[in-house]
Amino acid sequence: MAVHSFMAPLGSPAPDFTLPRAGGEGEVRLADLADAPALLVAFLCNHCPYVQHVESAFGAFTDEYAGRGLATVGICSNDVASYPDDDRPHLVAQAKRAGFSFPYLVDEDQQVALAYRAACTPDFYLYEGQRRLVYRGQFDGSRPGRQAPTGSSLRAAADLALAGQPVPEPHHPSVGCGIKWRPGNDPS
């Protein structure tokens, strides 16, 4: 069943995190990304058809926008005991398949997903230089089995954020598979 973003309040500060990389090459902290003029935090996973639908286009988008100063991190918060296709080896394979060059992180205790108010995969949070939320919502209006992804919604938001301009609403919520919460962690 498809789930929509919770649509966290604009202007919210980026919650702090320190998370391990899926491939085991150390950790990434929010502070490590402080010099970037904008930051994109993307909640992703390997098994979800909504993520699979956009993953290659998203990988290309992040490569293109990295050259313009956008820092990106991907975070998988799914319970791998229930969804083993989202374990570290599968995430590493996904990153290679999709062309992800950004850090792909693992949120094993799901506390980062809870802090960001993430609801689904994919779920996108764009922050300006002071790490205040300027956009939350969809990559674009495409859905699996329909049209090809373009990233038009996120591109428009990133263009404005990188230019130091506000991202006007409406922001359309992301749609995808609900995060697979461990028992007792489900925020709903």
Protein backbone atom coordinates (compact mmCIF):
# COMPACT_ATOMS: atom_id res chain seq x y z
CA MET A 1 0.00 0.00 0.00
CA ALA A 2 1.37 3.43 -0.97
CA VAL A 3 2.15 5.90 1.81
CA HIS A 4 2.58 9.69 1.55
CA SER A 5 5.18 11.94 3.20
CA PHE A 6 4.32 13.44 6.57
CA MET A 7 5.34 16.86 5.14
CA ALA A 8 7.51 18.15 7.99
CA PRO A 9 7.18 21.90 8.68
CA LEU A 10 9.22 24.16 6.41
CA GLY A 11 11.97 25.99 8.27
CA SER A 12 12.63 23.01 10.54
CA PRO A 13 16.33 22.45 11.27
CA ALA A 14 17.97 19.32 9.90
CA PRO A 15 18.12 16.77 12.73
CA ASP A 16 21.65 15.72 13.59
CA PHE A 17 22.88 12.25 12.68
CA THR A 18 25.92 10.02 12.69
CA LEU A 19 25.32 6.90 10.62
CA PRO A 20 27.44 4.11 9.14
CA ARG A 21 27.88 3.72 5.41
CA ALA A 22 26.16 0.69 3.91
CA GLY A 23 29.47 -0.56 2.54
CA GLY A 24 31.19 -0.30 5.91
CA GLU A 25 33.60 2.53 5.00
CA GLY A 26 33.10 4.49 8.22
CA GLU A 27 30.43 6.93 9.32
CA VAL A 28 28.96 10.17 8.00
CA ARG A 29 27.79 12.97 10.29
CA LEU A 30 25.55 15.89 9.45
CA ALA A 31 28.48 18.15 10.42
CA ASP A 32 30.61 16.53 7.68
CA LEU A 33 28.30 18.19 5.12
CA ALA A 34 28.32 21.69 6.67
CA ASP A 35 30.22 23.38 3.83
CA ALA A 36 27.69 22.54 1.11
CA PRO A 37 25.31 25.36 0.11
CA ALA A 38 22.39 22.90 0.17
CA LEU A 39 21.78 19.40 1.49
CA LEU A 40 19.42 16.70 0.28
CA VAL A 41 18.51 13.89 2.68
CA ALA A 42 16.78 11.03 0.85
CA PHE A 43 15.16 8.09 2.60
CA LEU A 44 15.57 5.14 0.25
CA CYS A 45 15.63 1.36 0.22
CA ASN A 46 16.35 -1.42 -2.22
CA HIS A 47 13.11 -3.42 -2.35
CA CYS A 48 10.47 -0.70 -2.96
CA PRO A 49 9.14 -0.40 -6.54
CA TYR A 50 8.70 3.37 -6.07
CA VAL A 51 12.41 3.73 -5.30
CA GLN A 52 13.36 1.34 -8.09
CA HIS A 53 11.30 3.46 -10.48
CA VAL A 54 13.34 6.63 -9.78
CA GLU A 55 16.72 5.29 -8.62
CA SER A 56 18.70 5.66 -11.88
CA ALA A 57 17.23 9.11 -12.60
CA PHE A 58 17.92 10.08 -8.99
CA GLY A 59 21.52 8.89 -9.26
CA ALA A 60 21.98 11.02 -12.40
CA PHE A 61 20.28 14.00 -10.73
CA THR A 62 22.54 13.84 -7.68
CA ASP A 63 25.68 13.59 -9.83
CA GLU A 64 24.60 16.59 -11.88
CA TYR A 65 23.70 18.70 -8.85
CA ALA A 66 26.80 17.71 -6.86
CA GLY A 67 28.71 19.77 -9.40
CA ARG A 68 26.57 22.74 -8.40
CA GLY A 69 27.18 22.27 -4.68
CA LEU A 70 24.31 20.06 -3.56
CA ALA A 71 25.40 17.49 -0.98
CA THR A 72 23.27 14.33 -0.84
CA VAL A 73 22.98 11.45 1.57
CA GLY A 74 20.75 8.43 1.17
CA ILE A 75 19.45 6.72 4.30
CA CYS A 76 17.85 3.30 4.60
CA SER A 77 15.86 2.94 7.82
CA ASN A 78 13.93 -0.24 7.04
CA ASP A 79 13.86 -3.17 9.45
CA VAL A 80 16.09 -5.70 7.68
CA ALA A 81 14.87 -8.55 9.87
CA SER A 82 11.52 -8.23 8.11
CA TYR A 83 12.89 -6.96 4.76
CA PRO A 84 16.25 -8.66 4.13
CA ASP A 85 16.42 -7.17 0.60
CA ASP A 86 17.26 -3.88 2.36
CA ASP A 87 20.33 -5.21 4.17
CA ARG A 88 23.77 -3.69 3.60
CA PRO A 89 24.92 -5.98 0.75
CA HIS A 90 21.70 -5.27 -1.16
CA LEU A 91 22.10 -1.51 -0.60
CA VAL A 92 25.66 -1.64 -1.92
CA ALA A 93 24.42 -3.50 -5.01
CA GLN A 94 21.62 -0.97 -5.46
CA ALA A 95 24.05 1.96 -5.23
CA LYS A 96 26.18 0.39 -7.96
CA ARG A 97 23.16 -0.44 -10.14
CA ALA A 98 21.61 3.03 -9.78
CA GLY A 99 24.82 5.04 -10.01
CA PHE A 100 24.63 6.47 -6.49
CA SER A 101 27.86 8.33 -5.79
CA PHE A 102 26.60 9.89 -2.56
CA PRO A 103 26.99 8.25 0.86
CA TYR A 104 24.33 5.58 1.39
CA LEU A 105 23.79 5.23 5.13
CA VAL A 106 22.07 2.72 7.40
CA ASP A 107 19.73 3.82 10.21
CA GLU A 108 19.50 0.52 12.07
CA ASP A 109 17.69 1.83 15.16
CA GLN A 110 15.41 4.04 13.01
CA GLN A 111 15.97 7.07 15.24
CA VAL A 112 17.07 9.25 12.31
CA ALA A 113 13.92 8.41 10.31
CA LEU A 114 11.85 9.30 13.36
CA ALA A 115 13.72 12.58 13.85
CA TYR A 116 13.20 13.56 10.19
CA ARG A 117 9.57 12.43 10.27
CA ALA A 118 10.23 10.16 7.29
CA ALA A 119 7.22 8.10 6.26
CA CYS A 120 8.02 6.38 2.99
CA THR A 121 10.64 5.45 0.46
CA PRO A 122 11.50 7.54 -1.37
CA ASP A 123 11.11 10.57 0.90
CA PHE A 124 13.12 13.74 0.13
CA TYR A 125 14.18 16.60 2.44
CA LEU A 126 16.03 19.60 0.98
CA TYR A 127 17.84 22.03 3.27
CA GLU A 128 19.40 25.38 2.51
CA GLY A 129 22.88 26.44 3.70
CA GLN A 130 21.83 27.04 7.30
CA ARG A 131 20.19 23.59 7.25
CA ARG A 132 16.61 24.81 7.42
CA LEU A 133 14.05 22.74 5.50
CA VAL A 134 13.02 24.44 2.25
CA TYR A 135 11.42 21.52 0.40
CA ARG A 136 9.94 18.16 1.27
CA GLY A 137 8.08 16.07 -1.21
CA GLN A 138 8.24 14.11 -4.42
CA PHE A 139 11.03 13.61 -6.92
CA ASP A 140 8.44 14.24 -9.62
CA GLY A 141 4.90 13.24 -10.54
CA SER A 142 5.87 9.97 -12.19
CA ARG A 143 4.80 6.65 -10.71
CA PRO A 144 5.88 3.06 -11.43
CA GLY A 145 4.41 1.66 -14.64
CA ARG A 146 3.38 5.06 -15.96
CA GLN A 147 5.76 7.75 -17.20
CA ALA A 148 9.55 7.92 -16.93
CA PRO A 149 10.99 9.90 -14.00
CA THR A 150 12.44 13.33 -14.71
CA GLY A 151 13.01 14.70 -11.21
CA SER A 152 11.18 17.88 -12.20
CA SER A 153 9.82 18.68 -8.72
CA LEU A 154 13.13 18.17 -6.93
CA ARG A 155 15.10 19.89 -9.71
CA ALA A 156 12.97 23.02 -9.43
CA ALA A 157 13.38 23.05 -5.65
CA ALA A 158 17.14 22.47 -5.80
CA ASP A 159 17.59 25.24 -8.40
CA LEU A 160 15.88 27.71 -6.09
CA ALA A 161 17.66 26.51 -2.94
CA LEU A 162 21.07 26.73 -4.59
CA ALA A 163 20.21 30.26 -5.76
CA GLY A 164 19.36 31.23 -2.18
CA GLN A 165 15.68 31.68 -3.00
CA PRO A 166 12.63 30.26 -1.21
CA VAL A 167 10.87 27.23 -2.66
CA PRO A 168 7.21 28.24 -2.97
CA GLU A 169 4.46 25.84 -2.07
CA PRO A 170 2.58 23.75 -2.90
CA HIS A 171 5.00 20.90 -2.37
CA HIS A 172 3.49 17.58 -3.40
CA PRO A 173 4.13 14.75 -0.95
CA SER A 174 6.34 11.90 -1.93
CA VAL A 175 4.55 8.60 -2.48
CA GLY A 176 6.10 5.22 -1.87
CA CYS A 177 6.38 2.16 0.31
CA GLY A 178 5.97 2.88 3.99
CA ILE A 179 9.13 2.65 6.05
CA LYS A 180 9.30 -0.82 7.53
CA TRP A 181 9.31 0.01 11.22
CA ARG A 182 10.54 -2.28 13.95
CA PRO A 183 7.84 -3.18 16.45
CA GLY A 184 7.28 -0.21 18.73
CA ASN A 185 8.91 2.38 16.43
CA ASP A 186 5.98 3.14 14.08
CA PRO A 187 5.18 6.83 14.60
CA SER A 188 1.55 6.49 13.52
